[in-house]
C-alpha atoms as a PDB file:
ATOM      1  CA  MET A   1      -9.543  29.572 -66.370  1.00  0.00           C
ATOM      2  CA  LYS A   2      -6.187  31.188 -66.948  1.00  0.00           C
ATOM      3  CA  GLN A   3      -4.442  28.052 -65.636  1.00  0.00           C
ATOM      4  CA  ILE A   4      -6.494  25.815 -67.948  1.00  0.00           C
ATOM      5  CA  ALA A   5      -5.718  28.003 -70.953  1.00  0.00           C
ATOM      6  CA  LEU A   6      -2.007  27.947 -70.056  1.00  0.00           C
ATOM      7  CA  CYS A   7      -1.979  24.141 -69.823  1.00  0.00           C
ATOM      8  CA  ILE A   8      -3.688  23.839 -73.232  1.00  0.00           C
ATOM      9  CA  ALA A   9      -1.158  26.230 -74.795  1.00  0.00           C
ATOM     10  CA  ILE A  10       1.784  24.300 -73.346  1.00  0.00           C
ATOM     11  CA  GLY A  11       0.300  21.014 -74.598  1.00  0.00           C
ATOM     12  CA  LEU A  12      -0.128  22.376 -78.124  1.00  0.00           C
ATOM     13  CA  LEU A  13       3.421  23.691 -78.057  1.00  0.00           C
ATOM     14  CA  LEU A  14       4.803  20.270 -77.036  1.00  0.00           C
ATOM     15  CA  ILE A  15       2.825  18.480 -79.738  1.00  0.00           C
ATOM     16  CA  THR A  16       4.053  20.913 -82.374  1.00  0.00           C
ATOM     17  CA  ALA A  17       7.640  20.589 -81.182  1.00  0.00           C
ATOM     18  CA  THR A  18       7.690  16.782 -81.215  1.00  0.00           C
ATOM     19  CA  ARG A  19       6.350  16.401 -84.771  1.00  0.00           C
ATOM     20  CA  PRO A  20       9.544  17.584 -86.516  1.00  0.00           C
ATOM     21  CA  LEU A  21      11.613  15.380 -84.204  1.00  0.00           C
ATOM     22  CA  ALA A  22       9.539  12.338 -85.124  1.00  0.00           C
ATOM     23  CA  ALA A  23       9.894  13.189 -88.791  1.00  0.00           C
ATOM     24  CA  GLN A  24      13.656  13.529 -88.412  1.00  0.00           C
ATOM     25  CA  ALA A  25      13.884  10.092 -86.721  1.00  0.00           C
ATOM     26  CA  ARG A  26      11.958   8.532 -89.590  1.00  0.00           C
ATOM     27  CA  ASP A  27      14.326  10.142 -92.090  1.00  0.00           C
ATOM     28  CA  ILE A  28      17.435   8.548 -90.557  1.00  0.00           C
ATOM     29  CA  PRO A  29      18.436   5.635 -92.850  1.00  0.00           C
ATOM     30  CA  SER A  30      18.583   2.190 -91.258  1.00  0.00           C
ATOM     31  CA  ALA A  31      21.912   0.346 -91.125  1.00  0.00           C
ATOM     32  CA  ALA A  32      20.157  -2.930 -91.882  1.00  0.00           C
ATOM     33  CA  PRO A  33      20.407  -4.205 -95.476  1.00  0.00           C
ATOM     34  CA  ASN A  34      17.390  -3.529 -97.644  1.00  0.00           C
ATOM     35  CA  HIS A  35      16.039  -6.781 -99.097  1.00  0.00           C
ATOM     36  CA  PRO A  36      13.850  -6.622-102.218  1.00  0.00           C
ATOM     37  CA  SER A  37      10.405  -7.866-101.280  1.00  0.00           C
ATOM     38  CA  ASP A  38       9.962  -9.721-104.578  1.00  0.00           C
ATOM     39  CA  GLN A  39      12.878 -12.094-103.917  1.00  0.00           C
ATOM     40  CA  THR A  40      12.468 -15.487-102.278  1.00  0.00           C
ATOM     41  CA  GLN A  41      14.481 -16.584 -99.271  1.00  0.00           C
ATOM     42  CA  GLU A  42      16.588 -18.791-101.541  1.00  0.00           C
ATOM     43  CA  GLN A  43      17.202 -16.022-104.078  1.00  0.00           C
ATOM     44  CA  ARG A  44      18.323 -13.633-101.346  1.00  0.00           C
ATOM     45  CA  GLY A  45      20.625 -16.278 -99.872  1.00  0.00           C
ATOM     46  CA  ARG A  46      22.273 -17.077-103.196  1.00  0.00           C
ATOM     47  CA  LYS A  47      22.723 -13.375-103.935  1.00  0.00           C
ATOM     48  CA  LEU A  48      24.508 -12.927-100.599  1.00  0.00           C
ATOM     49  CA  LEU A  49      26.809 -15.868-101.400  1.00  0.00           C
ATOM     50  CA  ASP A  50      27.530 -14.343-104.825  1.00  0.00           C
ATOM     51  CA  GLN A  51      28.436 -11.058-103.129  1.00  0.00           C
ATOM     52  CA  MET A  52      30.727 -12.875-100.692  1.00  0.00           C
ATOM     53  CA  LEU A  53      32.505 -14.677-103.521  1.00  0.00           C
ATOM     54  CA  GLU A  54      33.037 -11.400-105.369  1.00  0.00           C
ATOM     55  CA  ALA A  55      34.377  -9.752-102.198  1.00  0.00           C
ATOM     56  CA  LEU A  56      36.831 -12.634-101.667  1.00  0.00           C
ATOM     57  CA  GLY A  57      38.221 -12.196-105.182  1.00  0.00           C
ATOM     58  CA  GLY A  58      35.870 -14.069-107.526  1.00  0.00           C
ATOM     59  CA  ASP A  59      37.571 -16.358-110.041  1.00  0.00           C
ATOM     60  CA  ALA A  60      41.042 -15.425-108.780  1.00  0.00           C
ATOM     61  CA  TRP A  61      40.060 -16.720-105.335  1.00  0.00           C
ATOM     62  CA  LEU A  62      38.451 -19.873-106.726  1.00  0.00           C
ATOM     63  CA  ASN A  63      41.474 -20.659-108.923  1.00  0.00           C
ATOM     64  CA  ARG A  64      44.156 -20.439-106.240  1.00  0.00           C
ATOM     65  CA  HIS A  65      46.635 -23.312-106.442  1.00  0.00           C
ATOM     66  CA  ASN A  66      47.983 -23.034-102.932  1.00  0.00           C
ATOM     67  CA  VAL A  67      48.599 -20.749 -99.973  1.00  0.00           C
ATOM     68  CA  GLN A  68      51.637 -20.643 -97.690  1.00  0.00           C
ATOM     69  CA  VAL A  69      51.453 -18.986 -94.285  1.00  0.00           C
ATOM     70  CA  ARG A  70      53.522 -18.482 -91.177  1.00  0.00           C
ATOM     71  CA  GLY A  71      51.791 -17.878 -87.896  1.00  0.00           C
ATOM     72  CA  ARG A  72      51.217 -18.564 -84.235  1.00  0.00           C
ATOM     73  CA  LEU A  73      48.474 -20.577 -82.578  1.00  0.00           C
ATOM     74  CA  GLY A  74      47.271 -20.370 -78.996  1.00  0.00           C
ATOM     75  CA  ARG A  75      45.075 -23.043 -77.426  1.00  0.00           C
ATOM     76  CA  PHE A  76      42.305 -22.620 -74.863  1.00  0.00           C
ATOM     77  CA  PHE A  77      40.478 -24.873 -72.419  1.00  0.00           C
ATOM     78  CA  GLN A  78      36.891 -23.976 -71.527  1.00  0.00           C
ATOM     79  CA  GLY A  79      37.479 -20.526 -73.006  1.00  0.00           C
ATOM     80  CA  ALA A  80      40.653 -19.770 -70.988  1.00  0.00           C
ATOM     81  CA  PRO A  81      44.230 -19.894 -72.383  1.00  0.00           C
ATOM     82  CA  ASN A  82      46.107 -23.021 -71.320  1.00  0.00           C
ATOM     83  CA  GLY A  83      49.581 -21.562 -71.890  1.00  0.00           C
ATOM     84  CA  ILE A  84      50.311 -23.520 -75.072  1.00  0.00           C
ATOM     85  CA  VAL A  85      51.503 -21.295 -77.934  1.00  0.00           C
ATOM     86  CA  ILE A  86      52.769 -22.875 -81.164  1.00  0.00           C
ATOM     87  CA  ASP A  87      54.716 -21.237 -84.005  1.00  0.00           C
ATOM     88  CA  PHE A  88      54.117 -22.947 -87.328  1.00  0.00           C
ATOM     89  CA  THR A  89      54.389 -22.856 -91.086  1.00  0.00           C
ATOM     90  CA  LEU A  90      51.501 -24.138 -93.188  1.00  0.00           C
ATOM     91  CA  THR A  91      51.181 -24.948 -96.860  1.00  0.00           C
ATOM     92  CA  HIS A  92      47.704 -25.729 -98.164  1.00  0.00           C
ATOM     93  CA  GLN A  93      47.108 -27.017-101.688  1.00  0.00           C
ATOM     94  CA  PHE A  94      43.629 -26.513-103.128  1.00  0.00           C
ATOM     95  CA  ALA A  95      42.101 -29.303-105.179  1.00  0.00           C
ATOM     96  CA  GLY A  96      42.326 -29.024-108.960  1.00  0.00           C
ATOM     97  CA  PRO A  97      42.085 -31.225-112.056  1.00  0.00           C
ATOM     98  CA  ASP A  98      45.665 -32.419-111.573  1.00  0.00           C
ATOM     99  CA  ARG A  99      46.131 -32.130-107.809  1.00  0.00           C
ATOM    100  CA  PRO A 100      44.399 -33.321-104.621  1.00  0.00           C
ATOM    101  CA  GLU A 101      43.620 -31.104-101.670  1.00  0.00           C
ATOM    102  CA  ALA A 102      46.459 -31.407 -99.194  1.00  0.00           C
ATOM    103  CA  GLU A 103      48.101 -29.625 -96.284  1.00  0.00           C
ATOM    104  CA  ARG A 104      51.491 -29.637 -94.607  1.00  0.00           C
ATOM    105  CA  ILE A 105      52.048 -28.087 -91.164  1.00  0.00           C
ATOM    106  CA  GLY A 106      55.512 -27.689 -89.691  1.00  0.00           C
ATOM    107  CA  PHE A 107      55.897 -26.950 -85.983  1.00  0.00           C
ATOM    108  CA  ILE A 108      58.694 -24.475 -85.213  1.00  0.00           C
ATOM    109  CA  THR A 109      60.774 -24.913 -82.041  1.00  0.00           C
ATOM    110  CA  ASP A 110      64.080 -23.595 -80.704  1.00  0.00           C
ATOM    111  CA  LYS A 111      67.149 -25.611 -81.668  1.00  0.00           C
ATOM    112  CA  SER A 112      68.249 -25.845 -78.041  1.00  0.00           C
ATOM    113  CA  MET A 113      68.816 -23.770 -74.940  1.00  0.00           C
ATOM    114  CA  ILE A 114      72.385 -23.139 -76.126  1.00  0.00           C
ATOM    115  CA  LEU A 115      72.276 -23.003 -79.928  1.00  0.00           C
ATOM    116  CA  PRO A 116      70.466 -20.028 -81.503  1.00  0.00           C
ATOM    117  CA  GLY A 117      67.887 -20.418 -84.252  1.00  0.00           C
ATOM    118  CA  LYS A 118      64.740 -22.392 -85.003  1.00  0.00           C
ATOM    119  CA  LYS A 119      64.033 -25.858 -86.318  1.00  0.00           C
ATOM    120  CA  ILE A 120      61.139 -27.948 -87.646  1.00  0.00           C
ATOM    121  CA  ASP A 121      61.481 -31.568 -86.569  1.00  0.00           C
ATOM    122  CA  ILE A 122      57.774 -32.524 -86.643  1.00  0.00           C
ATOM    123  CA  VAL A 123      55.316 -32.019 -89.508  1.00  0.00           C
ATOM    124  CA  GLN A 124      51.753 -33.117 -90.095  1.00  0.00           C
ATOM    125  CA  ILE A 125      50.626 -33.995 -93.614  1.00  0.00           C
ATOM    126  CA  TRP A 126      46.936 -34.231 -94.490  1.00  0.00           C
ATOM    127  CA  ILE A 127      46.100 -35.855 -97.813  1.00  0.00           C
ATOM    128  CA  ASN A 128      43.641 -38.413 -99.231  1.00  0.00           C
ATOM    129  CA  ASN A 129      41.385 -38.376 -96.133  1.00  0.00           C
ATOM    130  CA  THR A 130      44.170 -39.326 -93.755  1.00  0.00           C
ATOM    131  CA  GLY A 131      46.665 -37.542 -91.525  1.00  0.00           C
ATOM    132  CA  HIS A 132      50.323 -38.336 -90.867  1.00  0.00           C
ATOM    133  CA  GLU A 133      52.924 -37.178 -88.371  1.00  0.00           C
ATOM    134  CA  VAL A 134      56.372 -37.209 -89.947  1.00  0.00           C
ATOM    135  CA  THR A 135      59.750 -36.875 -88.223  1.00  0.00           C
ATOM    136  CA  TYR A 136      63.293 -37.971 -89.144  1.00  0.00           C
ATOM    137  CA  LYS A 137      62.488 -41.266 -87.385  1.00  0.00           C
ATOM    138  CA  GLY A 138      59.438 -42.228 -89.420  1.00  0.00           C
ATOM    139  CA  ASN A 139      55.840 -41.679 -90.436  1.00  0.00           C
ATOM    140  CA  THR A 140      52.885 -42.537 -88.203  1.00  0.00           C
ATOM    141  CA  THR A 141      49.165 -42.195 -88.813  1.00  0.00           C
ATOM    142  CA  LEU A 142      47.435 -39.678 -86.538  1.00  0.00           C
ATOM    143  CA  PRO A 143      44.584 -40.767 -84.216  1.00  0.00           C
ATOM    144  CA  LYS A 144      41.180 -41.260 -85.812  1.00  0.00           C
ATOM    145  CA  ASP A 145      39.460 -38.532 -83.781  1.00  0.00           C
ATOM    146  CA  GLN A 146      41.999 -35.946 -85.003  1.00  0.00           C
ATOM    147  CA  ILE A 147      41.547 -37.079 -88.602  1.00  0.00           C
ATOM    148  CA  ASP A 148      37.746 -36.955 -88.328  1.00  0.00           C
ATOM    149  CA  ASP A 149      37.884 -33.465 -86.796  1.00  0.00           C
ATOM    150  CA  TYR A 150      40.215 -32.115 -89.493  1.00  0.00           C
ATOM    151  CA  TYR A 151      38.187 -33.360 -92.451  1.00  0.00           C
ATOM    152  CA  ARG A 152      34.876 -32.462 -90.812  1.00  0.00           C
ATOM    153  CA  ARG A 153      36.009 -28.835 -90.634  1.00  0.00           C
ATOM    154  CA  GLN A 154      37.400 -29.007 -94.164  1.00  0.00           C
ATOM    155  CA  ASP A 155      34.071 -30.331 -95.469  1.00  0.00           C
ATOM    156  CA  HIS A 156      32.289 -27.337 -93.886  1.00  0.00           C
ATOM    157  CA  SER A 157      34.816 -24.669 -94.850  1.00  0.00           C
ATOM    158  CA  ILE A 158      34.144 -21.496 -96.839  1.00  0.00           C
ATOM    159  CA  GLU A 159      36.009 -23.085 -99.774  1.00  0.00           C
ATOM    160  CA  SER A 160      33.808 -26.193 -99.659  1.00  0.00           C
ATOM    161  CA  ILE A 161      30.646 -24.078 -99.831  1.00  0.00           C
ATOM    162  CA  TYR A 162      31.611 -22.975-103.346  1.00  0.00           C
ATOM    163  CA  ARG A 163      33.595 -26.003-104.495  1.00  0.00           C
ATOM    164  CA  VAL A 164      31.211 -28.718-103.257  1.00  0.00           C
ATOM    165  CA  TRP A 165      27.990 -27.638-101.540  1.00  0.00           C
ATOM    166  CA  LEU A 166      26.574 -25.266-104.170  1.00  0.00           C
ATOM    167  CA  LYS A 167      27.376 -27.749-106.947  1.00  0.00           C
ATOM    168  CA  SER A 168      25.572 -30.644-105.254  1.00  0.00           C
ATOM    169  CA  PRO A 169      22.040 -31.677-106.284  1.00  0.00           C
ATOM    170  CA  GLY A 170      19.225 -30.945-103.862  1.00  0.00           C
ATOM    171  CA  VAL A 171      21.058 -28.219-101.942  1.00  0.00           C
ATOM    172  CA  VAL A 172      18.900 -25.495-100.366  1.00  0.00           C
ATOM    173  CA  VAL A 173      20.128 -21.963 -99.577  1.00  0.00           C
ATOM    174  CA  MET A 174      18.294 -19.896 -96.958  1.00  0.00           C
ATOM    175  CA  ASP A 175      18.663 -16.231 -96.098  1.00  0.00           C
ATOM    176  CA  GLU A 176      18.091 -16.083 -92.330  1.00  0.00           C
ATOM    177  CA  GLY A 177      18.211 -12.315 -91.919  1.00  0.00           C
ATOM    178  CA  SER A 178      20.489  -9.943 -90.055  1.00  0.00           C
ATOM    179  CA  THR A 179      22.550 -10.733 -86.962  1.00  0.00           C
ATOM    180  CA  MET A 180      25.650  -9.473 -85.175  1.00  0.00           C
ATOM    181  CA  VAL A 181      29.154 -10.934 -85.005  1.00  0.00           C
ATOM    182  CA  GLU A 182      31.575  -9.142 -82.688  1.00  0.00           C
ATOM    183  CA  ARG A 183      29.540  -5.898 -82.915  1.00  0.00           C
ATOM    184  CA  ARG A 184      29.439  -6.063 -86.714  1.00  0.00           C
ATOM    185  CA  LEU A 185      26.176  -6.259 -88.627  1.00  0.00           C
ATOM    186  CA  THR A 186      26.080  -9.428 -90.703  1.00  0.00           C
ATOM    187  CA  GLU A 187      23.733 -11.335 -92.970  1.00  0.00           C
ATOM    188  CA  ARG A 188      23.233 -15.011 -92.080  1.00  0.00           C
ATOM    189  CA  VAL A 189      22.960 -17.640 -94.808  1.00  0.00           C
ATOM    190  CA  THR A 190      22.494 -21.377 -94.230  1.00  0.00           C
ATOM    191  CA  ILE A 191      23.271 -23.987 -96.888  1.00  0.00           C
ATOM    192  CA  LEU A 192      21.403 -27.270 -96.383  1.00  0.00           C
ATOM    193  CA  SER A 193      22.326 -30.487 -98.193  1.00  0.00           C
ATOM    194  CA  ASP A 194      19.898 -33.195 -99.291  1.00  0.00           C
ATOM    195  CA  ASN A 195      21.033 -35.394 -96.366  1.00  0.00           C
ATOM    196  CA  ASN A 196      20.188 -32.663 -93.783  1.00  0.00           C
ATOM    197  CA  ASP A 197      23.784 -31.580 -93.201  1.00  0.00           C
ATOM    198  CA  ALA A 198      24.126 -27.798 -92.940  1.00  0.00           C
ATOM    199  CA  VAL A 199      26.699 -25.027 -92.778  1.00  0.00           C
ATOM    200  CA  THR A 200      25.942 -21.426 -91.804  1.00  0.00           C
ATOM    201  CA  VAL A 201      27.977 -18.360 -92.727  1.00  0.00           C
ATOM    202  CA  ASP A 202      27.578 -14.828 -91.357  1.00  0.00           C
ATOM    203  CA  ILE A 203      28.527 -12.293 -94.039  1.00  0.00           C
ATOM    204  CA  ASP A 204      29.618  -8.738 -93.226  1.00  0.00           C
ATOM    205  CA  ALA A 205      26.810  -6.397 -94.317  1.00  0.00           C
ATOM    206  CA  GLN A 206      29.280  -3.736 -95.481  1.00  0.00           C
ATOM    207  CA  THR A 207      32.277  -5.605 -96.930  1.00  0.00           C
ATOM    208  CA  HIS A 208      30.450  -8.862 -97.819  1.00  0.00           C
ATOM    209  CA  LEU A 209      33.406 -10.822 -96.407  1.00  0.00           C
ATOM    210  CA  PRO A 210      32.793 -13.878 -94.201  1.00  0.00           C
ATOM    211  CA  ARG A 211      32.828 -13.150 -90.468  1.00  0.00           C
ATOM    212  CA  ARG A 212      31.748 -16.477 -89.014  1.00  0.00           C
ATOM    213  CA  ARG A 213      31.238 -20.067 -90.182  1.00  0.00           C
ATOM    214  CA  THR A 214      29.218 -22.517 -88.071  1.00  0.00           C
ATOM    215  CA  PHE A 215      28.062 -26.116 -88.316  1.00  0.00           C
ATOM    216  CA  VAL A 216      26.601 -28.692 -85.941  1.00  0.00           C
ATOM    217  CA  TRP A 217      27.531 -32.380 -85.958  1.00  0.00           C
ATOM    218  CA  ARG A 218      26.450 -35.443 -84.019  1.00  0.00           C
ATOM    219  CA  ASN A 219      28.932 -36.668 -81.424  1.00  0.00           C
ATOM    220  CA  THR A 220      28.751 -40.448 -81.685  1.00  0.00           C
ATOM    221  CA  THR A 221      30.580 -40.952 -78.378  1.00  0.00           C
ATOM    222  CA  TYR A 222      28.245 -38.898 -76.185  1.00  0.00           C
ATOM    223  CA  LYS A 223      25.164 -39.218 -78.440  1.00  0.00           C
ATOM    224  CA  ASP A 224      24.575 -35.453 -78.544  1.00  0.00           C
ATOM    225  CA  HIS A 225      25.340 -32.551 -80.884  1.00  0.00           C
ATOM    226  CA  ASP A 226      28.442 -30.353 -80.934  1.00  0.00           C
ATOM    227  CA  GLU A 227      28.841 -26.936 -82.537  1.00  0.00           C
ATOM    228  CA  ASP A 228      32.001 -25.904 -84.369  1.00  0.00           C
ATOM    229  CA  ALA A 229      32.459 -22.238 -85.277  1.00  0.00           C
ATOM    230  CA  GLU A 230      35.221 -20.080 -86.751  1.00  0.00           C
ATOM    231  CA  GLU A 231      35.381 -16.286 -86.746  1.00  0.00           C
ATOM    232  CA  TYR A 232      37.485 -14.293 -89.211  1.00  0.00           C
ATOM    233  CA  GLU A 233      39.066 -10.931 -88.360  1.00  0.00           C
ATOM    234  CA  ASP A 234      41.873  -8.550 -89.337  1.00  0.00           C
ATOM    235  CA  TYR A 235      41.550  -8.818 -93.112  1.00  0.00           C
ATOM    236  CA  HIS A 236      44.570  -7.828 -95.239  1.00  0.00           C
ATOM    237  CA  THR A 237      44.695  -7.785 -99.039  1.00  0.00           C
ATOM    238  CA  ILE A 238      47.403 -10.202-100.230  1.00  0.00           C
ATOM    239  CA  GLN A 239      48.052 -10.389-103.977  1.00  0.00           C
ATOM    240  CA  GLY A 240      44.616  -8.871-104.560  1.00  0.00           C
ATOM    241  CA  LEU A 241      42.813 -11.320-102.248  1.00  0.00           C
ATOM    242  CA  PRO A 242      41.314 -10.248 -98.870  1.00  0.00           C
ATOM    243  CA  THR A 243      42.744 -12.620 -96.262  1.00  0.00           C
ATOM    244  CA  ALA A 244      41.779 -12.971 -92.598  1.00  0.00           C
ATOM    245  CA  PHE A 245      44.915 -12.835 -90.435  1.00  0.00           C
ATOM    246  CA  THR A 246      43.084 -13.804 -87.229  1.00  0.00           C
ATOM    247  CA  ILE A 247      40.980 -16.967 -87.014  1.00  0.00           C
ATOM    248  CA  THR A 248      39.256 -17.872 -83.758  1.00  0.00           C
ATOM    249  CA  ARG A 249      37.746 -21.303 -83.321  1.00  0.00           C
ATOM    250  CA  TYR A 250      34.919 -22.109 -80.895  1.00  0.00           C
ATOM    251  CA  HIS A 251      33.672 -25.476 -79.646  1.00  0.00           C
ATOM    252  CA  ASN A 252      30.153 -25.403 -78.186  1.00  0.00           C
ATOM    253  CA  GLY A 253      30.510 -21.681 -77.578  1.00  0.00           C
ATOM    254  CA  ASP A 254      33.863 -21.878 -75.771  1.00  0.00           C
ATOM    255  CA  MET A 255      36.978 -20.493 -77.398  1.00  0.00           C
ATOM    256  CA  ALA A 256      39.176 -23.451 -78.394  1.00  0.00           C
ATOM    257  CA  SER A 257      42.046 -21.825 -80.308  1.00  0.00           C
ATOM    258  CA  GLN A 258      43.148 -18.580 -81.897  1.00  0.00           C
ATOM    259  CA  THR A 259      45.461 -18.366 -84.904  1.00  0.00           C
ATOM    260  CA  PHE A 260      47.404 -15.286 -85.966  1.00  0.00           C
ATOM    261  CA  TYR A 261      49.052 -15.137 -89.377  1.00  0.00           C
ATOM    262  CA  THR A 262      52.219 -13.094 -89.756  1.00  0.00           C
ATOM    263  CA  LYS A 263      52.937 -13.836 -93.430  1.00  0.00           C
ATOM    264  CA  VAL A 264      50.768 -15.105 -96.298  1.00  0.00           C
ATOM    265  CA  GLU A 265      51.680 -15.919 -99.924  1.00  0.00           C
ATOM    266  CA  TYR A 266      49.520 -17.390-102.674  1.00  0.00           C
ATOM    267  CA  ASP A 267      50.533 -19.690-105.534  1.00  0.00           C
ATOM    268  CA  VAL A 268      54.120 -20.352-104.508  1.00  0.00           C
ATOM    269  CA  ASP A 269      56.368 -22.885-106.227  1.00  0.00           C
ATOM    270  CA  LEU A 270      56.390 -26.023-104.099  1.00  0.00           C
ATOM    271  CA  PRO A 271      59.206 -28.591-104.093  1.00  0.00           C
ATOM    272  CA  PRO A 272      58.335 -32.112-105.228  1.00  0.00           C
ATOM    273  CA  GLY A 273      57.197 -34.340-102.410  1.00  0.00           C
ATOM    274  CA  THR A 274      55.817 -31.517-100.278  1.00  0.00           C
ATOM    275  CA  PHE A 275      52.762 -33.621 -99.409  1.00  0.00           C
ATOM    276  CA  ASN A 276      54.386 -37.047 -99.527  1.00  0.00           C
ATOM    277  CA  PRO A 277      54.349 -38.496 -95.977  1.00  0.00           C
ATOM    278  CA  ASP A 278      56.881 -41.163 -96.935  1.00  0.00           C
ATOM    279  CA  ILE A 279      59.642 -38.558 -97.335  1.00  0.00           C
ATOM    280  CA  LEU A 280      61.078 -38.257 -93.844  1.00  0.00           C
ATOM    281  CA  LEU A 281      62.640 -35.147 -92.353  1.00  0.00           C
ATOM    282  CA  LYS A 282      66.371 -34.722 -92.114  1.00  0.00           C
ATOM    283  CA  LYS A 283      67.729 -34.869 -88.587  1.00  0.00           C
ATOM    284  CA  LYS A 284      68.634 -31.384 -87.359  1.00  0.00           C
ATOM    285  CA  GLN A 285      72.085 -30.984 -85.801  1.00  0.00           C
END
């Protein structure tokens, strides 16, 4: 009898002790965003996109004329580095009432094994849905698969979500709930066009900045679907605008390239002919 009474007393003591612990666990706030129950999936998705736009800089971000960067790009094959590292300068012009969207990339190399310094003797110019490689010898059109890849990614970029997708008729925005990107809690939003094209963005739950952009496209050569994704890291505020200094690109889940910016400037004065592929480079001595 004494043993039975002792067991009952110990059981009651354990029950009493665990109740406050359970209450304390319930009182710990969740890290997951709290979605109002009276909002639709579309309303929640559009609110998240509004928050992302505000975090990026709002109207100041939308009204950028151009951006000029210097950086380094490393390429990968099947997720492993292939030893190719490229230094570059890039000038991107955003579309406006009096200007087309355009980009100029200059590839930086050493002058020679003897002479010190750097040179740019090859540039790529992307404008009017075509791509050109320009040297001091001439201007050639880039291969079609490179041109298709460039403009496919441009059409599914963060900028295009606000400049094109959300202004198009029949577009649907869907909040797909919480997920993780590189151990960061994010909110996933998918924007679906009326022709069943889609782009998905994972938005940081704390900063509301974009962490990942993904889209799927049909590979006409192999008759299957490929996934293109970009992840954005190492944000720095440049001229009041948060800017990702590390961009990692994935193809079907494998790392394809990683870009590191070392310098970024917005709205710089550009010389005439910056995006004119018919202006050849001067031969470097």
